[in-house]
PDB file of all heavy atoms in Angstrom:
ATOM      1  N   ILE A   1       2.975  -7.410   2.730  1.00  0.00           N
ATOM      2  CA  ILE A   1       2.549  -6.541   1.643  1.00  0.00           C
ATOM      3  C   ILE A   1       2.347  -7.382   0.386  1.00  0.00           C
ATOM      4  O   ILE A   1       3.096  -8.326   0.127  1.00  0.00           O
ATOM      5  CB  ILE A   1       3.564  -5.403   1.400  1.00  0.00           C
ATOM      6  CG1 ILE A   1       3.010  -4.381   0.411  1.00  0.00           C
ATOM      7  CG2 ILE A   1       4.910  -5.948   0.934  1.00  0.00           C
ATOM      8  CD1 ILE A   1       3.857  -3.113   0.298  1.00  0.00           C
ATOM      9  N   SER A   2       1.336  -7.055  -0.376  1.00  0.00           N
ATOM     10  CA  SER A   2       1.065  -7.740  -1.625  1.00  0.00           C
ATOM     11  C   SER A   2       0.431  -6.754  -2.597  1.00  0.00           C
ATOM     12  O   SER A   2       0.034  -5.653  -2.212  1.00  0.00           O
ATOM     13  CB  SER A   2       0.153  -8.958  -1.404  1.00  0.00           C
ATOM     14  OG  SER A   2      -1.098  -8.563  -0.870  1.00  0.00           O
ATOM     15  N   ARG A   3       0.337  -7.150  -3.856  1.00  0.00           N
ATOM     16  CA  ARG A   3      -0.270  -6.264  -4.847  1.00  0.00           C
ATOM     17  C   ARG A   3      -0.951  -7.066  -5.932  1.00  0.00           C
ATOM     18  O   ARG A   3      -0.582  -8.206  -6.219  1.00  0.00           O
ATOM     19  CB  ARG A   3       0.772  -5.311  -5.452  1.00  0.00           C
ATOM     20  CG  ARG A   3       1.872  -5.983  -6.245  1.00  0.00           C
ATOM     21  CD  ARG A   3       2.953  -4.985  -6.660  1.00  0.00           C
ATOM     22  NE  ARG A   3       2.523  -4.112  -7.746  1.00  0.00           N
ATOM     23  CZ  ARG A   3       3.264  -3.114  -8.250  1.00  0.00           C
ATOM     24  NH1 ARG A   3       4.454  -2.844  -7.737  1.00  0.00           N
ATOM     25  NH2 ARG A   3       2.795  -2.379  -9.250  1.00  0.00           N
ATOM     26  N   ASP A   4      -1.931  -6.440  -6.529  1.00  0.00           N
ATOM     27  CA  ASP A   4      -2.635  -6.976  -7.674  1.00  0.00           C
ATOM     28  C   ASP A   4      -2.378  -6.012  -8.817  1.00  0.00           C
ATOM     29  O   ASP A   4      -2.969  -4.932  -8.873  1.00  0.00           O
ATOM     30  CB  ASP A   4      -4.131  -7.105  -7.375  1.00  0.00           C
ATOM     31  CG  ASP A   4      -4.897  -7.785  -8.488  1.00  0.00           C
ATOM     32  OD1 ASP A   4      -4.472  -7.712  -9.660  1.00  0.00           O
ATOM     33  OD2 ASP A   4      -5.945  -8.397  -8.202  1.00  0.00           O
ATOM     34  N   ASN A   5      -1.480  -6.376  -9.707  1.00  0.00           N
ATOM     35  CA  ASN A   5      -1.081  -5.474 -10.774  1.00  0.00           C
ATOM     36  C   ASN A   5      -2.236  -5.145 -11.721  1.00  0.00           C
ATOM     37  O   ASN A   5      -2.324  -4.031 -12.237  1.00  0.00           O
ATOM     38  CB  ASN A   5       0.086  -6.068 -11.565  1.00  0.00           C
ATOM     39  CG  ASN A   5       1.362  -6.143 -10.754  1.00  0.00           C
ATOM     40  OD1 ASN A   5       1.538  -5.406  -9.776  1.00  0.00           O
ATOM     41  ND2 ASN A   5       2.271  -7.028 -11.154  1.00  0.00           N
ATOM     42  N   ALA A   6      -3.104  -6.106 -11.950  1.00  0.00           N
ATOM     43  CA  ALA A   6      -4.231  -5.880 -12.847  1.00  0.00           C
ATOM     44  C   ALA A   6      -5.188  -4.834 -12.295  1.00  0.00           C
ATOM     45  O   ALA A   6      -5.859  -4.139 -13.057  1.00  0.00           O
ATOM     46  CB  ALA A   6      -4.970  -7.188 -13.114  1.00  0.00           C
ATOM     47  N   LYS A   7      -5.266  -4.731 -10.974  1.00  0.00           N
ATOM     48  CA  LYS A   7      -6.154  -3.776 -10.327  1.00  0.00           C
ATOM     49  C   LYS A   7      -5.432  -2.531  -9.832  1.00  0.00           C
ATOM     50  O   LYS A   7      -6.076  -1.647  -9.256  1.00  0.00           O
ATOM     51  CB  LYS A   7      -6.883  -4.433  -9.158  1.00  0.00           C
ATOM     52  CG  LYS A   7      -7.788  -5.581  -9.548  1.00  0.00           C
ATOM     53  CD  LYS A   7      -8.464  -6.179  -8.325  1.00  0.00           C
ATOM     54  CE  LYS A   7      -9.386  -7.315  -8.708  1.00  0.00           C
ATOM     55  NZ  LYS A   7     -10.041  -7.920  -7.514  1.00  0.00           N
ATOM     56  N   ASN A   8      -4.117  -2.471 -10.022  1.00  0.00           N
ATOM     57  CA  ASN A   8      -3.318  -1.358  -9.506  1.00  0.00           C
ATOM     58  C   ASN A   8      -3.587  -1.131  -8.019  1.00  0.00           C
ATOM     59  O   ASN A   8      -3.755   0.006  -7.568  1.00  0.00           O
ATOM     60  CB  ASN A   8      -3.580  -0.081 -10.302  1.00  0.00           C
ATOM     61  CG  ASN A   8      -2.980  -0.127 -11.690  1.00  0.00           C
ATOM     62  OD1 ASN A   8      -1.933  -0.733 -11.910  1.00  0.00           O
ATOM     63  ND2 ASN A   8      -3.631   0.528 -12.637  1.00  0.00           N
ATOM     64  N   THR A   9      -3.601  -2.213  -7.286  1.00  0.00           N
ATOM     65  CA  THR A   9      -3.950  -2.169  -5.875  1.00  0.00           C
ATOM     66  C   THR A   9      -2.861  -2.833  -5.041  1.00  0.00           C
ATOM     67  O   THR A   9      -2.328  -3.881  -5.428  1.00  0.00           O
ATOM     68  CB  THR A   9      -5.292  -2.865  -5.622  1.00  0.00           C
ATOM     69  OG1 THR A   9      -6.318  -2.189  -6.363  1.00  0.00           O
ATOM     70  CG2 THR A   9      -5.653  -2.841  -4.145  1.00  0.00           C
ATOM     71  N   VAL A  10      -2.550  -2.225  -3.915  1.00  0.00           N
ATOM     72  CA  VAL A  10      -1.597  -2.780  -2.972  1.00  0.00           C
ATOM     73  C   VAL A  10      -2.306  -3.001  -1.643  1.00  0.00           C
ATOM     74  O   VAL A  10      -3.212  -2.246  -1.273  1.00  0.00           O
ATOM     75  CB  VAL A  10      -0.359  -1.869  -2.804  1.00  0.00           C
ATOM     76  CG1 VAL A  10      -0.740  -0.519  -2.209  1.00  0.00           C
ATOM     77  CG2 VAL A  10       0.711  -2.548  -1.967  1.00  0.00           C
ATOM     78  N   TYR A  11      -1.897  -4.047  -0.941  1.00  0.00           N
ATOM     79  CA  TYR A  11      -2.503  -4.420   0.323  1.00  0.00           C
ATOM     80  C   TYR A  11      -1.439  -4.501   1.405  1.00  0.00           C
ATOM     81  O   TYR A  11      -0.266  -4.755   1.126  1.00  0.00           O
ATOM     82  CB  TYR A  11      -3.200  -5.776   0.223  1.00  0.00           C
ATOM     83  CG  TYR A  11      -4.189  -5.880  -0.914  1.00  0.00           C
ATOM     84  CD1 TYR A  11      -3.790  -6.372  -2.154  1.00  0.00           C
ATOM     85  CD2 TYR A  11      -5.508  -5.500  -0.748  1.00  0.00           C
ATOM     86  CE1 TYR A  11      -4.684  -6.474  -3.199  1.00  0.00           C
ATOM     87  CE2 TYR A  11      -6.416  -5.598  -1.789  1.00  0.00           C
ATOM     88  CZ  TYR A  11      -5.996  -6.087  -3.014  1.00  0.00           C
ATOM     89  OH  TYR A  11      -6.890  -6.184  -4.052  1.00  0.00           O
ATOM     90  N   LEU A  12      -1.867  -4.311   2.623  1.00  0.00           N
ATOM     91  CA  LEU A  12      -1.004  -4.525   3.773  1.00  0.00           C
ATOM     92  C   LEU A  12      -1.788  -5.307   4.812  1.00  0.00           C
ATOM     93  O   LEU A  12      -2.699  -4.766   5.440  1.00  0.00           O
ATOM     94  CB  LEU A  12      -0.507  -3.204   4.365  1.00  0.00           C
ATOM     95  CG  LEU A  12       0.521  -3.331   5.482  1.00  0.00           C
ATOM     96  CD1 LEU A  12       1.837  -3.885   4.941  1.00  0.00           C
ATOM     97  CD2 LEU A  12       0.753  -1.992   6.173  1.00  0.00           C
ATOM     98  N   GLN A  13      -1.443  -6.576   4.960  1.00  0.00           N
ATOM     99  CA  GLN A  13      -2.044  -7.414   5.983  1.00  0.00           C
ATOM    100  C   GLN A  13      -1.250  -7.234   7.264  1.00  0.00           C
ATOM    101  O   GLN A  13      -0.055  -7.543   7.300  1.00  0.00           O
ATOM    102  CB  GLN A  13      -2.048  -8.874   5.555  1.00  0.00           C
ATOM    103  CG  GLN A  13      -2.612  -9.836   6.595  1.00  0.00           C
ATOM    104  CD  GLN A  13      -4.082  -9.607   6.863  1.00  0.00           C
ATOM    105  OE1 GLN A  13      -4.873  -9.490   5.941  1.00  0.00           O
ATOM    106  NE2 GLN A  13      -4.447  -9.539   8.135  1.00  0.00           N
ATOM    107  N   MET A  14      -1.902  -6.753   8.299  1.00  0.00           N
ATOM    108  CA  MET A  14      -1.246  -6.451   9.562  1.00  0.00           C
ATOM    109  C   MET A  14      -1.784  -7.393  10.628  1.00  0.00           C
ATOM    110  O   MET A  14      -2.962  -7.324  10.990  1.00  0.00           O
ATOM    111  CB  MET A  14      -1.475  -4.989   9.963  1.00  0.00           C
ATOM    112  CG  MET A  14      -1.025  -3.987   8.908  1.00  0.00           C
ATOM    113  SD  MET A  14      -1.158  -2.263   9.477  1.00  0.00           S
ATOM    114  CE  MET A  14      -2.942  -2.135   9.633  1.00  0.00           C
ATOM    115  N   ASN A  15      -0.923  -8.258  11.119  1.00  0.00           N
ATOM    116  CA  ASN A  15      -1.277  -9.209  12.155  1.00  0.00           C
ATOM    117  C   ASN A  15      -0.550  -8.866  13.445  1.00  0.00           C
ATOM    118  O   ASN A  15       0.460  -8.161  13.447  1.00  0.00           O
ATOM    119  CB  ASN A  15      -0.925 -10.637  11.732  1.00  0.00           C
ATOM    120  CG  ASN A  15      -1.661 -11.091  10.498  1.00  0.00           C
ATOM    121  OD1 ASN A  15      -2.812 -10.717  10.272  1.00  0.00           O
ATOM    122  ND2 ASN A  15      -1.009 -11.919   9.686  1.00  0.00           N
ATOM    123  N   SER A  16      -1.057  -9.397  14.542  1.00  0.00           N
ATOM    124  CA  SER A  16      -0.436  -9.206  15.857  1.00  0.00           C
ATOM    125  C   SER A  16      -0.127  -7.739  16.121  1.00  0.00           C
ATOM    126  O   SER A  16       0.981  -7.379  16.520  1.00  0.00           O
ATOM    127  CB  SER A  16       0.842 -10.052  15.958  1.00  0.00           C
ATOM    128  OG  SER A  16       0.566 -11.426  15.772  1.00  0.00           O
ATOM    129  N   LEU A  17      -1.113  -6.910  15.909  1.00  0.00           N
ATOM    130  CA  LEU A  17      -0.909  -5.470  16.043  1.00  0.00           C
ATOM    131  C   LEU A  17      -0.550  -5.085  17.471  1.00  0.00           C
ATOM    132  O   LEU A  17      -1.044  -5.668  18.438  1.00  0.00           O
ATOM    133  CB  LEU A  17      -2.150  -4.725  15.590  1.00  0.00           C
ATOM    134  CG  LEU A  17      -2.313  -4.635  14.071  1.00  0.00           C
ATOM    135  CD1 LEU A  17      -3.741  -4.280  13.700  1.00  0.00           C
ATOM    136  CD2 LEU A  17      -1.343  -3.612  13.496  1.00  0.00           C
ATOM    137  N   LYS A  18       0.316  -4.090  17.573  1.00  0.00           N
ATOM    138  CA  LYS A  18       0.784  -3.569  18.842  1.00  0.00           C
ATOM    139  C   LYS A  18       0.412  -2.097  18.961  1.00  0.00           C
ATOM    140  O   LYS A  18       0.241  -1.417  17.953  1.00  0.00           O
ATOM    141  CB  LYS A  18       2.310  -3.712  18.948  1.00  0.00           C
ATOM    142  CG  LYS A  18       2.835  -5.121  18.757  1.00  0.00           C
ATOM    143  CD  LYS A  18       4.357  -5.127  18.743  1.00  0.00           C
ATOM    144  CE  LYS A  18       4.907  -6.520  18.553  1.00  0.00           C
ATOM    145  NZ  LYS A  18       6.394  -6.523  18.517  1.00  0.00           N
ATOM    146  N   PRO A  19       0.309  -1.577  20.181  1.00  0.00           N
ATOM    147  CA  PRO A  19       0.010  -0.148  20.328  1.00  0.00           C
ATOM    148  C   PRO A  19       0.994   0.745  19.582  1.00  0.00           C
ATOM    149  O   PRO A  19       0.588   1.803  19.091  1.00  0.00           O
ATOM    150  CB  PRO A  19       0.095   0.069  21.844  1.00  0.00           C
ATOM    151  CG  PRO A  19      -0.289  -1.256  22.422  1.00  0.00           C
ATOM    152  CD  PRO A  19       0.302  -2.271  21.480  1.00  0.00           C
ATOM    153  N   GLU A  20       2.246   0.354  19.483  1.00  0.00           N
ATOM    154  CA  GLU A  20       3.226   1.163  18.779  1.00  0.00           C
ATOM    155  C   GLU A  20       3.019   1.191  17.268  1.00  0.00           C
ATOM    156  O   GLU A  20       3.691   1.952  16.565  1.00  0.00           O
ATOM    157  CB  GLU A  20       4.657   0.706  19.095  1.00  0.00           C
ATOM    158  CG  GLU A  20       4.881  -0.784  18.925  1.00  0.00           C
ATOM    159  CD  GLU A  20       4.804  -1.546  20.240  1.00  0.00           C
ATOM    160  OE1 GLU A  20       3.881  -1.273  21.032  1.00  0.00           O
ATOM    161  OE2 GLU A  20       5.670  -2.413  20.478  1.00  0.00           O
ATOM    162  N   ASP A  21       2.096   0.379  16.753  1.00  0.00           N
ATOM    163  CA  ASP A  21       1.727   0.449  15.345  1.00  0.00           C
ATOM    164  C   ASP A  21       0.748   1.575  15.054  1.00  0.00           C
ATOM    165  O   ASP A  21       0.443   1.840  13.886  1.00  0.00           O
ATOM    166  CB  ASP A  21       1.121  -0.882  14.874  1.00  0.00           C
ATOM    167  CG  ASP A  21       2.112  -2.031  14.925  1.00  0.00           C
ATOM    168  OD1 ASP A  21       3.285  -1.827  14.544  1.00  0.00           O
ATOM    169  OD2 ASP A  21       1.708  -3.139  15.337  1.00  0.00           O
ATOM    170  N   THR A  22       0.243   2.214  16.086  1.00  0.00           N
ATOM    171  CA  THR A  22      -0.711   3.302  15.916  1.00  0.00           C
ATOM    172  C   THR A  22      -0.087   4.436  15.106  1.00  0.00           C
ATOM    173  O   THR A  22       0.965   4.960  15.463  1.00  0.00           O
ATOM    174  CB  THR A  22      -1.181   3.828  17.269  1.00  0.00           C
ATOM    175  OG1 THR A  22      -1.895   2.793  17.957  1.00  0.00           O
ATOM    176  CG2 THR A  22      -2.087   5.033  17.106  1.00  0.00           C
ATOM    177  N   ALA A  23      -0.736   4.801  14.013  1.00  0.00           N
ATOM    178  CA  ALA A  23      -0.218   5.838  13.128  1.00  0.00           C
ATOM    179  C   ALA A  23      -1.204   6.074  11.997  1.00  0.00           C
ATOM    180  O   ALA A  23      -2.160   5.315  11.820  1.00  0.00           O
ATOM    181  CB  ALA A  23       1.145   5.432  12.552  1.00  0.00           C
ATOM    182  N   ALA A  24      -0.941   7.124  11.241  1.00  0.00           N
ATOM    183  CA  ALA A  24      -1.592   7.297   9.956  1.00  0.00           C
ATOM    184  C   ALA A  24      -0.775   6.554   8.913  1.00  0.00           C
ATOM    185  O   ALA A  24       0.442   6.742   8.822  1.00  0.00           O
ATOM    186  CB  ALA A  24      -1.704   8.776   9.596  1.00  0.00           C
ATOM    187  N   TYR A  25      -1.431   5.704   8.162  1.00  0.00           N
ATOM    188  CA  TYR A  25      -0.757   4.896   7.154  1.00  0.00           C
ATOM    189  C   TYR A  25      -1.033   5.470   5.772  1.00  0.00           C
ATOM    190  O   TYR A  25      -2.185   5.703   5.397  1.00  0.00           O
ATOM    191  CB  TYR A  25      -1.221   3.439   7.230  1.00  0.00           C
ATOM    192  CG  TYR A  25      -0.607   2.688   8.388  1.00  0.00           C
ATOM    193  CD1 TYR A  25      -0.999   2.954   9.693  1.00  0.00           C
ATOM    194  CD2 TYR A  25       0.374   1.726   8.177  1.00  0.00           C
ATOM    195  CE1 TYR A  25      -0.426   2.292  10.760  1.00  0.00           C
ATOM    196  CE2 TYR A  25       0.951   1.052   9.247  1.00  0.00           C
ATOM    197  CZ  TYR A  25       0.551   1.336  10.530  1.00  0.00           C
ATOM    198  OH  TYR A  25       1.118   0.669  11.591  1.00  0.00           O
ATOM    199  N   TYR A  26       0.038   5.676   5.017  1.00  0.00           N
ATOM    200  CA  TYR A  26      -0.047   6.302   3.706  1.00  0.00           C
ATOM    201  C   TYR A  26       0.429   5.342   2.626  1.00  0.00           C
ATOM    202  O   TYR A  26       1.464   4.687   2.773  1.00  0.00           O
ATOM    203  CB  TYR A  26       0.809   7.567   3.643  1.00  0.00           C
ATOM    204  CG  TYR A  26       0.360   8.661   4.582  1.00  0.00           C
ATOM    205  CD1 TYR A  26       0.857   8.741   5.880  1.00  0.00           C
ATOM    206  CD2 TYR A  26      -0.560   9.614   4.168  1.00  0.00           C
ATOM    207  CE1 TYR A  26       0.444   9.735   6.743  1.00  0.00           C
ATOM    208  CE2 TYR A  26      -0.971  10.617   5.026  1.00  0.00           C
ATOM    209  CZ  TYR A  26      -0.463  10.670   6.315  1.00  0.00           C
ATOM    210  OH  TYR A  26      -0.869  11.671   7.168  1.00  0.00           O
ATOM    211  N   CYS A  27      -0.305   5.302   1.558  1.00  0.00           N
ATOM    212  CA  CYS A  27       0.053   4.514   0.395  1.00  0.00           C
ATOM    213  C   CYS A  27       0.887   5.357  -0.558  1.00  0.00           C
ATOM    214  O   CYS A  27       0.629   6.550  -0.738  1.00  0.00           O
ATOM    215  CB  CYS A  27      -1.222   4.030  -0.298  1.00  0.00           C
ATOM    216  SG  CYS A  27      -0.959   3.106  -1.823  1.00  0.00           S
ATOM    217  N   ASN A  28       1.883   4.737  -1.165  1.00  0.00           N
ATOM    218  CA  ASN A  28       2.743   5.400  -2.130  1.00  0.00           C
ATOM    219  C   ASN A  28       2.866   4.540  -3.380  1.00  0.00           C
ATOM    220  O   ASN A  28       2.944   3.316  -3.293  1.00  0.00           O
ATOM    221  CB  ASN A  28       4.127   5.647  -1.523  1.00  0.00           C
ATOM    222  CG  ASN A  28       5.146   6.096  -2.550  1.00  0.00           C
ATOM    223  OD1 ASN A  28       5.959   5.302  -3.027  1.00  0.00           O
ATOM    224  ND2 ASN A  28       5.113   7.376  -2.892  1.00  0.00           N
ATOM    225  N   ALA A  29       2.881   5.191  -4.528  1.00  0.00           N
ATOM    226  CA  ALA A  29       3.059   4.480  -5.787  1.00  0.00           C
ATOM    227  C   ALA A  29       3.970   5.282  -6.697  1.00  0.00           C
ATOM    228  O   ALA A  29       3.681   6.443  -6.993  1.00  0.00           O
ATOM    229  CB  ALA A  29       1.717   4.230  -6.471  1.00  0.00           C
ATOM    230  N   ARG A  30       5.064   4.657  -7.107  1.00  0.00           N
ATOM    231  CA  ARG A  30       5.949   5.278  -8.088  1.00  0.00           C
ATOM    232  C   ARG A  30       5.411   4.910  -9.463  1.00  0.00           C
ATOM    233  O   ARG A  30       5.532   3.769  -9.900  1.00  0.00           O
ATOM    234  CB  ARG A  30       7.384   4.817  -7.902  1.00  0.00           C
ATOM    235  CG  ARG A  30       8.367   5.633  -8.694  1.00  0.00           C
ATOM    236  CD  ARG A  30       9.789   5.418  -8.218  1.00  0.00           C
ATOM    237  NE  ARG A  30      10.660   6.454  -8.744  1.00  0.00           N
ATOM    238  CZ  ARG A  30      11.953   6.543  -8.505  1.00  0.00           C
ATOM    239  NH1 ARG A  30      12.536   5.656  -7.716  1.00  0.00           N
ATOM    240  NH2 ARG A  30      12.657   7.527  -9.034  1.00  0.00           N
ATOM    241  N   THR A  31       4.832   5.900 -10.125  1.00  0.00           N
ATOM    242  CA  THR A  31       3.980   5.669 -11.269  1.00  0.00           C
ATOM    243  C   THR A  31       4.522   6.352 -12.512  1.00  0.00           C
ATOM    244  O   THR A  31       4.894   7.523 -12.479  1.00  0.00           O
ATOM    245  CB  THR A  31       2.559   6.187 -10.990  1.00  0.00           C
ATOM    246  OG1 THR A  31       2.073   5.606  -9.773  1.00  0.00           O
ATOM    247  CG2 THR A  31       1.614   5.844 -12.127  1.00  0.00           C
ATOM    248  N   VAL A  32       4.538   5.625 -13.614  1.00  0.00           N
ATOM    249  CA  VAL A  32       4.808   6.205 -14.922  1.00  0.00           C
ATOM    250  C   VAL A  32       3.458   6.573 -15.523  1.00  0.00           C
ATOM    251  O   VAL A  32       2.617   5.697 -15.748  1.00  0.00           O
ATOM    252  CB  VAL A  32       5.569   5.240 -15.835  1.00  0.00           C
ATOM    253  CG1 VAL A  32       5.809   5.888 -17.200  1.00  0.00           C
ATOM    254  CG2 VAL A  32       6.880   4.826 -15.202  1.00  0.00           C
ATOM    255  N   VAL A  33       3.249   7.855 -15.771  1.00  0.00           N
ATOM    256  CA  VAL A  33       1.960   8.301 -16.269  1.00  0.00           C
ATOM    257  C   VAL A  33       1.802   7.937 -17.728  1.00  0.00           C
ATOM    258  O   VAL A  33       2.781   7.758 -18.462  1.00  0.00           O
ATOM    259  CB  VAL A  33       1.764   9.814 -16.048  1.00  0.00           C
ATOM    260  CG1 VAL A  33       1.853  10.143 -14.577  1.00  0.00           C
ATOM    261  CG2 VAL A  33       2.791  10.615 -16.838  1.00  0.00           C
ATOM    262  N   ALA A  34       0.555   7.863 -18.173  1.00  0.00           N
ATOM    263  CA  ALA A  34       0.244   7.434 -19.536  1.00  0.00           C
ATOM    264  C   ALA A  34       0.130   8.590 -20.514  1.00  0.00           C
ATOM    265  O   ALA A  34      -0.355   8.397 -21.628  1.00  0.00           O
ATOM    266  CB  ALA A  34      -1.046   6.624 -19.528  1.00  0.00           C
ATOM    267  N   ASP A  35       0.551   9.769 -20.113  1.00  0.00           N
ATOM    268  CA  ASP A  35       0.556  10.930 -20.994  1.00  0.00           C
ATOM    269  C   ASP A  35       1.942  11.158 -21.566  1.00  0.00           C
ATOM    270  O   ASP A  35       2.946  10.984 -20.879  1.00  0.00           O
ATOM    271  CB  ASP A  35       0.108  12.189 -20.241  1.00  0.00           C
ATOM    272  CG  ASP A  35      -1.286  12.075 -19.692  1.00  0.00           C
ATOM    273  OD1 ASP A  35      -2.060  11.252 -20.191  1.00  0.00           O
ATOM    274  OD2 ASP A  35      -1.602  12.815 -18.743  1.00  0.00           O
ATOM    275  N   TRP A  36       1.997  11.569 -22.831  1.00  0.00           N
ATOM    276  CA  TRP A  36       3.269  11.913 -23.446  1.00  0.00           C
ATOM    277  C   TRP A  36       3.654  13.341 -23.117  1.00  0.00           C
ATOM    278  O   TRP A  36       2.813  14.240 -23.228  1.00  0.00           O
ATOM    279  CB  TRP A  36       3.194  11.726 -24.961  1.00  0.00           C
ATOM    280  CG  TRP A  36       4.505  11.976 -25.613  1.00  0.00           C
ATOM    281  CD1 TRP A  36       4.915  13.116 -26.231  1.00  0.00           C
ATOM    282  CD2 TRP A  36       5.604  11.062 -25.683  1.00  0.00           C
ATOM    283  NE1 TRP A  36       6.191  12.979 -26.694  1.00  0.00           N
ATOM    284  CE2 TRP A  36       6.641  11.721 -26.365  1.00  0.00           C
ATOM    285  CE3 TRP A  36       5.801   9.760 -25.237  1.00  0.00           C
ATOM    286  CZ2 TRP A  36       7.864  11.116 -26.606  1.00  0.00           C
ATOM    287  CZ3 TRP A  36       7.010   9.160 -25.479  1.00  0.00           C
ATOM    288  CH2 TRP A  36       8.025   9.838 -26.158  1.00  0.00           C
TER     289      TRP A  36
END
């Protein structure tokens, strides 16, 4: 897993994939909103 803070983007490089990796993958971000 890696991230680019300037782009607010997270990546997941998945190598040597196995059948048991089959799934729906969801991104999560714990975010402080910019509204007061």
